[in-house]
Amino acid sequence: MSLPELVAKNIANYRVAAGLSQDALGTAAGIAKNYASLIEVSAPDLTIETVESIARVLEIDASLLLADPRESAS
């Protein structure tokens, strides 16, 4: 899995776990609603600042969005 795919999957998983809609995440992170949904598909042109904003809204460390959960499960 590529890094953009991994980040997209992690964002979606953490968003769902936090009980947030894509709209709510986008609004709280200061990103366009349609971009919030696009991020979860392919994370196009995702900046580290956006990753940080999303992590802040999700109340997690930004590094978790970059981590492969399969590696920590071993």
PDB file of N, CA and C in Angstrom:
ATOM      1  N   MET A   1       0.858  -1.172   0.000  1.00  0.00           N
ATOM      2  CA  MET A   1       0.000   0.000   0.000  1.00  0.00           C
ATOM      3  C   MET A   1       0.907   1.239   0.000  1.00  0.00           C
ATOM      4  N   SER A   2       0.577   2.202  -0.838  1.00  0.00           N
ATOM      5  CA  SER A   2       1.372   3.430  -0.911  1.00  0.00           C
ATOM      6  C   SER A   2       1.086   4.302   0.317  1.00  0.00           C
ATOM      7  N   LEU A   3       1.990   5.232   0.589  1.00  0.00           N
ATOM      8  CA  LEU A   3       1.806   6.123   1.733  1.00  0.00           C
ATOM      9  C   LEU A   3       0.515   6.951   1.620  1.00  0.00           C
ATOM     10  N   PRO A   4       0.200   7.541   0.450  1.00  0.00           N
ATOM     11  CA  PRO A   4      -1.062   8.267   0.346  1.00  0.00           C
ATOM     12  C   PRO A   4      -2.280   7.387   0.636  1.00  0.00           C
ATOM     13  N   GLU A   5      -2.250   6.137   0.170  1.00  0.00           N
ATOM     14  CA  GLU A   5      -3.369   5.217   0.446  1.00  0.00           C
ATOM     15  C   GLU A   5      -3.452   4.908   1.946  1.00  0.00           C
ATOM     16  N   LEU A   6      -2.303   4.713   2.566  1.00  0.00           N
ATOM     17  CA  LEU A   6      -2.256   4.417   3.995  1.00  0.00           C
ATOM     18  C   LEU A   6      -2.799   5.586   4.809  1.00  0.00           C
ATOM     19  N   VAL A   7      -2.366   6.797   4.480  1.00  0.00           N
ATOM     20  CA  VAL A   7      -2.832   7.984   5.190  1.00  0.00           C
ATOM     21  C   VAL A   7      -4.341   8.146   4.998  1.00  0.00           C
ATOM     22  N   ALA A   8      -4.817   7.960   3.783  1.00  0.00           N
ATOM     23  CA  ALA A   8      -6.248   8.069   3.504  1.00  0.00           C
ATOM     24  C   ALA A   8      -7.046   7.073   4.338  1.00  0.00           C
ATOM     25  N   LYS A   9      -6.565   5.838   4.394  1.00  0.00           N
ATOM     26  CA  LYS A   9      -7.251   4.807   5.166  1.00  0.00           C
ATOM     27  C   LYS A   9      -7.230   5.143   6.658  1.00  0.00           C
ATOM     28  N   ASN A  10      -6.090   5.597   7.149  1.00  0.00           N
ATOM     29  CA  ASN A  10      -5.991   5.953   8.571  1.00  0.00           C
ATOM     30  C   ASN A  10      -6.919   7.108   8.926  1.00  0.00           C
ATOM     31  N   ILE A  11      -6.975   8.122   8.074  1.00  0.00           N
ATOM     32  CA  ILE A  11      -7.871   9.250   8.336  1.00  0.00           C
ATOM     33  C   ILE A  11      -9.308   8.761   8.418  1.00  0.00           C
ATOM     34  N   ALA A  12      -9.718   7.946   7.469  1.00  0.00           N
ATOM     35  CA  ALA A  12     -11.090   7.425   7.479  1.00  0.00           C
ATOM     36  C   ALA A  12     -11.360   6.611   8.743  1.00  0.00           C
ATOM     37  N   ASN A  13     -10.438   5.735   9.107  1.00  0.00           N
ATOM     38  CA  ASN A  13     -10.643   4.894  10.286  1.00  0.00           C
ATOM     39  C   ASN A  13     -10.729   5.710  11.571  1.00  0.00           C
ATOM     40  N   TYR A  14      -9.808   6.658  11.745  1.00  0.00           N
ATOM     41  CA  TYR A  14      -9.832   7.485  12.951  1.00  0.00           C
ATOM     42  C   TYR A  14     -11.047   8.416  12.979  1.00  0.00           C
ATOM     43  N   ARG A  15     -11.473   8.903  11.802  1.00  0.00           N
ATOM     44  CA  ARG A  15     -12.662   9.761  11.744  1.00  0.00           C
ATOM     45  C   ARG A  15     -13.899   8.998  12.186  1.00  0.00           C
ATOM     46  N   VAL A  16     -14.051   7.789  11.658  1.00  0.00           N
ATOM     47  CA  VAL A  16     -15.205   6.958  12.025  1.00  0.00           C
ATOM     48  C   VAL A  16     -15.162   6.634  13.522  1.00  0.00           C
ATOM     49  N   ALA A  17     -13.983   6.281  14.028  1.00  0.00           N
ATOM     50  CA  ALA A  17     -13.835   5.969  15.454  1.00  0.00           C
ATOM     51  C   ALA A  17     -14.185   7.167  16.332  1.00  0.00           C
ATOM     52  N   ALA A  18     -13.933   8.370  15.814  1.00  0.00           N
ATOM     53  CA  ALA A  18     -14.248   9.585  16.567  1.00  0.00           C
ATOM     54  C   ALA A  18     -15.720   9.978  16.431  1.00  0.00           C
ATOM     55  N   GLY A  19     -16.454   9.277  15.563  1.00  0.00           N
ATOM     56  CA  GLY A  19     -17.868   9.567  15.374  1.00  0.00           C
ATOM     57  C   GLY A  19     -18.134  10.836  14.582  1.00  0.00           C
ATOM     58  N   LEU A  20     -17.195  11.205  13.712  1.00  0.00           N
ATOM     59  CA  LEU A  20     -17.346  12.419  12.919  1.00  0.00           C
ATOM     60  C   LEU A  20     -17.714  12.099  11.478  1.00  0.00           C
ATOM     61  N   SER A  21     -18.522  12.951  10.879  1.00  0.00           N
ATOM     62  CA  SER A  21     -18.794  12.844   9.448  1.00  0.00           C
ATOM     63  C   SER A  21     -17.640  13.502   8.696  1.00  0.00           C
ATOM     64  N   GLN A  22     -17.570  13.252   7.414  1.00  0.00           N
ATOM     65  CA  GLN A  22     -16.556  13.920   6.600  1.00  0.00           C
ATOM     66  C   GLN A  22     -16.758  15.428   6.634  1.00  0.00           C
ATOM     67  N   ASP A  23     -18.013  15.868   6.589  1.00  0.00           N
ATOM     68  CA  ASP A  23     -18.310  17.298   6.662  1.00  0.00           C
ATOM     69  C   ASP A  23     -17.816  17.902   7.964  1.00  0.00           C
ATOM     70  N   ALA A  24     -18.097  17.221   9.072  1.00  0.00           N
ATOM     71  CA  ALA A  24     -17.682  17.740  10.377  1.00  0.00           C
ATOM     72  C   ALA A  24     -16.159  17.805  10.485  1.00  0.00           C
ATOM     73  N   LEU A  25     -15.481  16.780  10.001  1.00  0.00           N
ATOM     74  CA  LEU A  25     -14.021  16.777  10.022  1.00  0.00           C
ATOM     75  C   LEU A  25     -13.480  17.922   9.173  1.00  0.00           C
ATOM     76  N   GLY A  26     -14.003  18.062   7.975  1.00  0.00           N
ATOM     77  CA  GLY A  26     -13.545  19.125   7.082  1.00  0.00           C
ATOM     78  C   GLY A  26     -13.741  20.506   7.677  1.00  0.00           C
ATOM     79  N   THR A  27     -14.913  20.741   8.232  1.00  0.00           N
ATOM     80  CA  THR A  27     -15.204  22.037   8.829  1.00  0.00           C
ATOM     81  C   THR A  27     -14.268  22.326  10.001  1.00  0.00           C
ATOM     82  N   ALA A  28     -14.119  21.356  10.890  1.00  0.00           N
ATOM     83  CA  ALA A  28     -13.281  21.544  12.076  1.00  0.00           C
ATOM     84  C   ALA A  28     -11.803  21.692  11.725  1.00  0.00           C
ATOM     85  N   ALA A  29     -11.367  21.032  10.647  1.00  0.00           N
ATOM     86  CA  ALA A  29      -9.961  21.092  10.239  1.00  0.00           C
ATOM     87  C   ALA A  29      -9.676  22.275   9.315  1.00  0.00           C
ATOM     88  N   GLY A  30     -10.726  22.986   8.934  1.00  0.00           N
ATOM     89  CA  GLY A  30     -10.547  24.156   8.076  1.00  0.00           C
ATOM     90  C   GLY A  30     -10.264  23.813   6.625  1.00  0.00           C
ATOM     91  N   ILE A  31     -10.804  22.689   6.174  1.00  0.00           N
ATOM     92  CA  ILE A  31     -10.624  22.299   4.774  1.00  0.00           C
ATOM     93  C   ILE A  31     -11.997  22.182   4.110  1.00  0.00           C
ATOM     94  N   ALA A  32     -12.006  22.304   2.802  1.00  0.00           N
ATOM     95  CA  ALA A  32     -13.261  22.225   2.058  1.00  0.00           C
ATOM     96  C   ALA A  32     -13.914  20.856   2.245  1.00  0.00           C
ATOM     97  N   LYS A  33     -15.233  20.862   2.336  1.00  0.00           N
ATOM     98  CA  LYS A  33     -15.965  19.613   2.578  1.00  0.00           C
ATOM     99  C   LYS A  33     -15.687  18.571   1.497  1.00  0.00           C
ATOM    100  N   ASN A  34     -15.666  19.000   0.248  1.00  0.00           N
ATOM    101  CA  ASN A  34     -15.423  18.027  -0.826  1.00  0.00           C
ATOM    102  C   ASN A  34     -13.986  17.509  -0.784  1.00  0.00           C
ATOM    103  N   TYR A  35     -13.052  18.318  -0.309  1.00  0.00           N
ATOM    104  CA  TYR A  35     -11.663  17.865  -0.187  1.00  0.00           C
ATOM    105  C   TYR A  35     -11.536  16.844   0.936  1.00  0.00           C
ATOM    106  N   ALA A  36     -12.313  17.017   2.010  1.00  0.00           N
ATOM    107  CA  ALA A  36     -12.284  16.054   3.113  1.00  0.00           C
ATOM    108  C   ALA A  36     -12.681  14.670   2.621  1.00  0.00           C
ATOM    109  N   SER A  37     -13.676  14.589   1.768  1.00  0.00           N
ATOM    110  CA  SER A  37     -14.072  13.276   1.254  1.00  0.00           C
ATOM    111  C   SER A  37     -13.056  12.750   0.246  1.00  0.00           C
ATOM    112  N   LEU A  38     -12.471  13.631  -0.536  1.00  0.00           N
ATOM    113  CA  LEU A  38     -11.464  13.230  -1.512  1.00  0.00           C
ATOM    114  C   LEU A  38     -10.209  12.695  -0.829  1.00  0.00           C
ATOM    115  N   ILE A  39      -9.843  13.278   0.304  1.00  0.00           N
ATOM    116  CA  ILE A  39      -8.677  12.817   1.061  1.00  0.00           C
ATOM    117  C   ILE A  39      -8.806  11.337   1.396  1.00  0.00           C
ATOM    118  N   GLU A  40      -9.998  10.921   1.793  1.00  0.00           N
ATOM    119  CA  GLU A  40     -10.198   9.535   2.202  1.00  0.00           C
ATOM    120  C   GLU A  40     -10.167   8.558   1.035  1.00  0.00           C
ATOM    121  N   VAL A  41     -10.208   9.063  -0.162  1.00  0.00           N
ATOM    122  CA  VAL A  41     -10.122   8.201  -1.336  1.00  0.00           C
ATOM    123  C   VAL A  41      -8.666   8.038  -1.771  1.00  0.00           C
ATOM    124  N   SER A  42      -7.935   9.155  -1.792  1.00  0.00           N
ATOM    125  CA  SER A  42      -6.573   9.054  -2.325  1.00  0.00           C
ATOM    126  C   SER A  42      -5.564  10.007  -1.704  1.00  0.00           C
ATOM    127  N   ALA A  43      -5.980  10.849  -0.769  1.00  0.00           N
ATOM    128  CA  ALA A  43      -5.104  11.829  -0.131  1.00  0.00           C
ATOM    129  C   ALA A  43      -4.294  12.633  -1.155  1.00  0.00           C
ATOM    130  N   PRO A  44      -4.957  13.247  -2.150  1.00  0.00           N
ATOM    131  CA  PRO A  44      -4.217  13.976  -3.182  1.00  0.00           C
ATOM    132  C   PRO A  44      -3.603  15.268  -2.642  1.00  0.00           C
ATOM    133  N   ASP A  45      -2.350  15.494  -2.949  1.00  0.00           N
ATOM    134  CA  ASP A  45      -1.675  16.741  -2.580  1.00  0.00           C
ATOM    135  C   ASP A  45      -1.846  17.107  -1.109  1.00  0.00           C
ATOM    136  N   LEU A  46      -1.883  16.122  -0.262  1.00  0.00           N
ATOM    137  CA  LEU A  46      -2.082  16.342   1.164  1.00  0.00           C
ATOM    138  C   LEU A  46      -0.810  16.929   1.770  1.00  0.00           C
ATOM    139  N   THR A  47      -0.937  18.072   2.416  1.00  0.00           N
ATOM    140  CA  THR A  47       0.227  18.702   3.035  1.00  0.00           C
ATOM    141  C   THR A  47       0.368  18.235   4.475  1.00  0.00           C
ATOM    142  N   ILE A  48       1.549  18.401   5.005  1.00  0.00           N
ATOM    143  CA  ILE A  48       1.789  18.031   6.399  1.00  0.00           C
ATOM    144  C   ILE A  48       0.961  18.927   7.322  1.00  0.00           C
ATOM    145  N   GLU A  49       0.703  20.151   6.904  1.00  0.00           N
ATOM    146  CA  GLU A  49      -0.133  21.057   7.694  1.00  0.00           C
ATOM    147  C   GLU A  49      -1.568  20.541   7.771  1.00  0.00           C
ATOM    148  N   THR A  50      -2.062  19.988   6.662  1.00  0.00           N
ATOM    149  CA  THR A  50      -3.413  19.425   6.667  1.00  0.00           C
ATOM    150  C   THR A  50      -3.463  18.175   7.531  1.00  0.00           C
ATOM    151  N   VAL A  51      -2.437  17.337   7.450  1.00  0.00           N
ATOM    152  CA  VAL A  51      -2.370  16.152   8.313  1.00  0.00           C
ATOM    153  C   VAL A  51      -2.403  16.584   9.774  1.00  0.00           C
ATOM    154  N   GLU A  52      -1.648  17.623  10.100  1.00  0.00           N
ATOM    155  CA  GLU A  52      -1.611  18.133  11.472  1.00  0.00           C
ATOM    156  C   GLU A  52      -2.984  18.657  11.911  1.00  0.00           C
ATOM    157  N   SER A  53      -3.663  19.387  11.042  1.00  0.00           N
ATOM    158  CA  SER A  53      -4.999  19.911  11.355  1.00  0.00           C
ATOM    159  C   SER A  53      -6.001  18.792  11.583  1.00  0.00           C
ATOM    160  N   ILE A  54      -5.955  17.781  10.734  1.00  0.00           N
ATOM    161  CA  ILE A  54      -6.859  16.646  10.868  1.00  0.00           C
ATOM    162  C   ILE A  54      -6.578  15.902  12.171  1.00  0.00           C
ATOM    163  N   ALA A  55      -5.305  15.675  12.463  1.00  0.00           N
ATOM    164  CA  ALA A  55      -4.939  14.979  13.695  1.00  0.00           C
ATOM    165  C   ALA A  55      -5.414  15.765  14.919  1.00  0.00           C
ATOM    166  N   ARG A  56      -5.280  17.067  14.874  1.00  0.00           N
ATOM    167  CA  ARG A  56      -5.727  17.907  15.996  1.00  0.00           C
ATOM    168  C   ARG A  56      -7.226  17.727  16.222  1.00  0.00           C
ATOM    169  N   VAL A  57      -8.007  17.735  15.144  1.00  0.00           N
ATOM    170  CA  VAL A  57      -9.462  17.549  15.253  1.00  0.00           C
ATOM    171  C   VAL A  57      -9.770  16.158  15.808  1.00  0.00           C
ATOM    172  N   LEU A  58      -9.020  15.163  15.364  1.00  0.00           N
ATOM    173  CA  LEU A  58      -9.250  13.787  15.813  1.00  0.00           C
ATOM    174  C   LEU A  58      -8.660  13.514  17.200  1.00  0.00           C
ATOM    175  N   GLU A  59      -7.927  14.513  17.721  1.00  0.00           N
ATOM    176  CA  GLU A  59      -7.298  14.410  19.039  1.00  0.00           C
ATOM    177  C   GLU A  59      -6.341  13.226  19.128  1.00  0.00           C
ATOM    178  N   ILE A  60      -5.513  13.109  18.080  1.00  0.00           N
ATOM    179  CA  ILE A  60      -4.489  12.066  18.022  1.00  0.00           C
ATOM    180  C   ILE A  60      -3.173  12.700  17.580  1.00  0.00           C
ATOM    181  N   ASP A  61      -2.083  12.004  17.782  1.00  0.00           N
ATOM    182  CA  ASP A  61      -0.794  12.451  17.284  1.00  0.00           C
ATOM    183  C   ASP A  61      -0.768  12.272  15.771  1.00  0.00           C
ATOM    184  N   ALA A  62      -0.264  13.254  15.062  1.00  0.00           N
ATOM    185  CA  ALA A  62      -0.230  13.197  13.596  1.00  0.00           C
ATOM    186  C   ALA A  62       0.529  11.975  13.082  1.00  0.00           C
ATOM    187  N   SER A  63       1.492  11.501  13.844  1.00  0.00           N
ATOM    188  CA  SER A  63       2.266  10.338  13.401  1.00  0.00           C
ATOM    189  C   SER A  63       1.395   9.096  13.223  1.00  0.00           C
ATOM    190  N   LEU A  64       0.286   9.032  13.946  1.00  0.00           N
ATOM    191  CA  LEU A  64      -0.615   7.884  13.803  1.00  0.00           C
ATOM    192  C   LEU A  64      -1.249   7.826  12.415  1.00  0.00           C
ATOM    193  N   LEU A  65      -1.408   8.974  11.784  1.00  0.00           N
ATOM    194  CA  LEU A  65      -1.995   9.003  10.442  1.00  0.00           C
ATOM    195  C   LEU A  65      -1.007   8.523   9.388  1.00  0.00           C
ATOM    196  N   LEU A  66       0.273   8.531   9.737  1.00  0.00           N
ATOM    197  CA  LEU A  66       1.310   8.089   8.810  1.00  0.00           C
ATOM    198  C   LEU A  66       1.758   6.656   9.067  1.00  0.00           C
ATOM    199  N   ALA A  67       1.324   6.090  10.178  1.00  0.00           N
ATOM    200  CA  ALA A  67       1.797   4.772  10.607  1.00  0.00           C
ATOM    201  C   ALA A  67       0.978   3.650   9.989  1.00  0.00           C
ATOM    202  N   ASP A  68       1.662   2.545   9.739  1.00  0.00           N
ATOM    203  CA  ASP A  68       0.995   1.345   9.248  1.00  0.00           C
ATOM    204  C   ASP A  68       0.564   0.542  10.474  1.00  0.00           C
ATOM    205  N   PRO A  69      -0.743   0.435  10.732  1.00  0.00           N
ATOM    206  CA  PRO A  69      -1.199  -0.278  11.938  1.00  0.00           C
ATOM    207  C   PRO A  69      -0.801  -1.746  11.940  1.00  0.00           C
ATOM    208  N   ARG A  70      -0.534  -2.314  10.786  1.00  0.00           N
ATOM    209  CA  ARG A  70      -0.107  -3.719  10.728  1.00  0.00           C
ATOM    210  C   ARG A  70       1.273  -3.893  11.345  1.00  0.00           C
ATOM    211  N   GLU A  71       2.101  -2.858  11.302  1.00  0.00           N
ATOM    212  CA  GLU A  71       3.444  -2.952  11.870  1.00  0.00           C
ATOM    213  C   GLU A  71       3.420  -2.932  13.390  1.00  0.00           C
ATOM    214  N   SER A  72       2.489  -2.210  13.991  1.00  0.00           N
ATOM    215  CA  SER A  72       2.428  -2.154  15.446  1.00  0.00           C
ATOM    216  C   SER A  72       1.692  -3.357  16.025  1.00  0.00           C
ATOM    217  N   ALA A  73       0.954  -4.085  15.193  1.00  0.00           N
ATOM    218  CA  ALA A  73       0.215  -5.264  15.643  1.00  0.00           C
ATOM    219  C   ALA A  73       1.117  -6.479  15.803  1.00  0.00           C
ATOM    220  N   SER A  74       2.319  -6.422  15.253  1.00  0.00           N
ATOM    221  CA  SER A  74       3.225  -7.568  15.304  1.00  0.00           C
ATOM    222  C   SER A  74       3.876  -7.702  16.649  1.00  0.00           C
TER     223      SER A  74
END
